Amino acid sequence: MMANSKQPLGKNGFKYREQYGVIILCDDAEAQERLFNQLKAQGYKLRVVTV
């Protein structure tokens, strides 16, 4: 269900908006950087996560 712009903000002032993502496991930081650069060049909106 998508957030309706007419819905009030939550108690903490946060307005929930669904997002969808894919996690790709990389062998190391260099592979992560190469993949990030390739996907960015293709126009994807990306976030880097290290756990």
Protein backbone atom coordinates (compact mmCIF):
# COMPACT_ATOMS: atom_id res chain seq x y z
CA MET A 1 0.00 0.00 0.00
CA MET A 2 1.46 3.35 -1.00
CA ALA A 3 1.52 6.26 1.39
CA ASN A 4 -1.22 8.76 0.67
CA SER A 5 -0.08 12.40 0.69
CA LYS A 6 -3.24 13.27 2.68
CA GLN A 7 -2.35 10.91 5.56
CA PRO A 8 -1.09 12.62 8.72
CA LEU A 9 2.50 12.21 9.82
CA GLY A 10 3.27 9.63 12.48
CA LYS A 11 3.90 10.56 16.11
CA ASN A 12 7.60 10.98 15.40
CA GLY A 13 6.95 13.18 12.34
CA PHE A 14 8.01 10.44 9.91
CA LYS A 15 5.97 9.84 6.78
CA TYR A 16 6.28 6.18 5.72
CA ARG A 17 6.98 5.45 2.06
CA GLU A 18 7.49 1.92 0.75
CA GLN A 19 10.78 1.20 -0.97
CA TYR A 20 12.01 -1.93 -2.70
CA GLY A 21 15.58 -3.11 -3.05
CA VAL A 22 17.92 -5.92 -3.94
CA ILE A 23 20.97 -6.95 -1.92
CA ILE A 24 23.94 -8.28 -3.86
CA LEU A 25 26.66 -10.03 -1.86
CA CYS A 26 30.18 -9.18 -3.05
CA ASP A 27 33.46 -11.01 -2.35
CA ASP A 28 35.30 -7.86 -1.22
CA ALA A 29 35.32 -4.05 -1.22
CA GLU A 30 36.86 -3.85 -4.70
CA ALA A 31 34.11 -6.03 -6.20
CA GLN A 32 31.52 -3.93 -4.37
CA GLU A 33 32.98 -0.73 -5.85
CA ARG A 34 33.13 -2.17 -9.40
CA LEU A 35 29.52 -3.35 -9.21
CA PHE A 36 28.39 -0.05 -7.71
CA ASN A 37 30.04 1.88 -10.56
CA GLN A 38 28.56 -0.41 -13.22
CA LEU A 39 25.03 -0.13 -11.85
CA LYS A 40 25.34 3.63 -11.26
CA ALA A 41 26.40 4.06 -14.91
CA GLN A 42 23.21 2.21 -15.90
CA GLY A 43 21.14 4.77 -14.02
CA TYR A 44 20.24 2.82 -10.88
CA LYS A 45 19.71 4.67 -7.59
CA LEU A 46 22.11 2.99 -5.16
CA ARG A 47 23.19 2.87 -1.54
CA VAL A 48 26.36 1.24 -0.28
CA VAL A 49 26.01 -0.98 2.79
CA THR A 50 28.74 -2.76 4.70
CA VAL A 51 27.84 -5.21 7.47
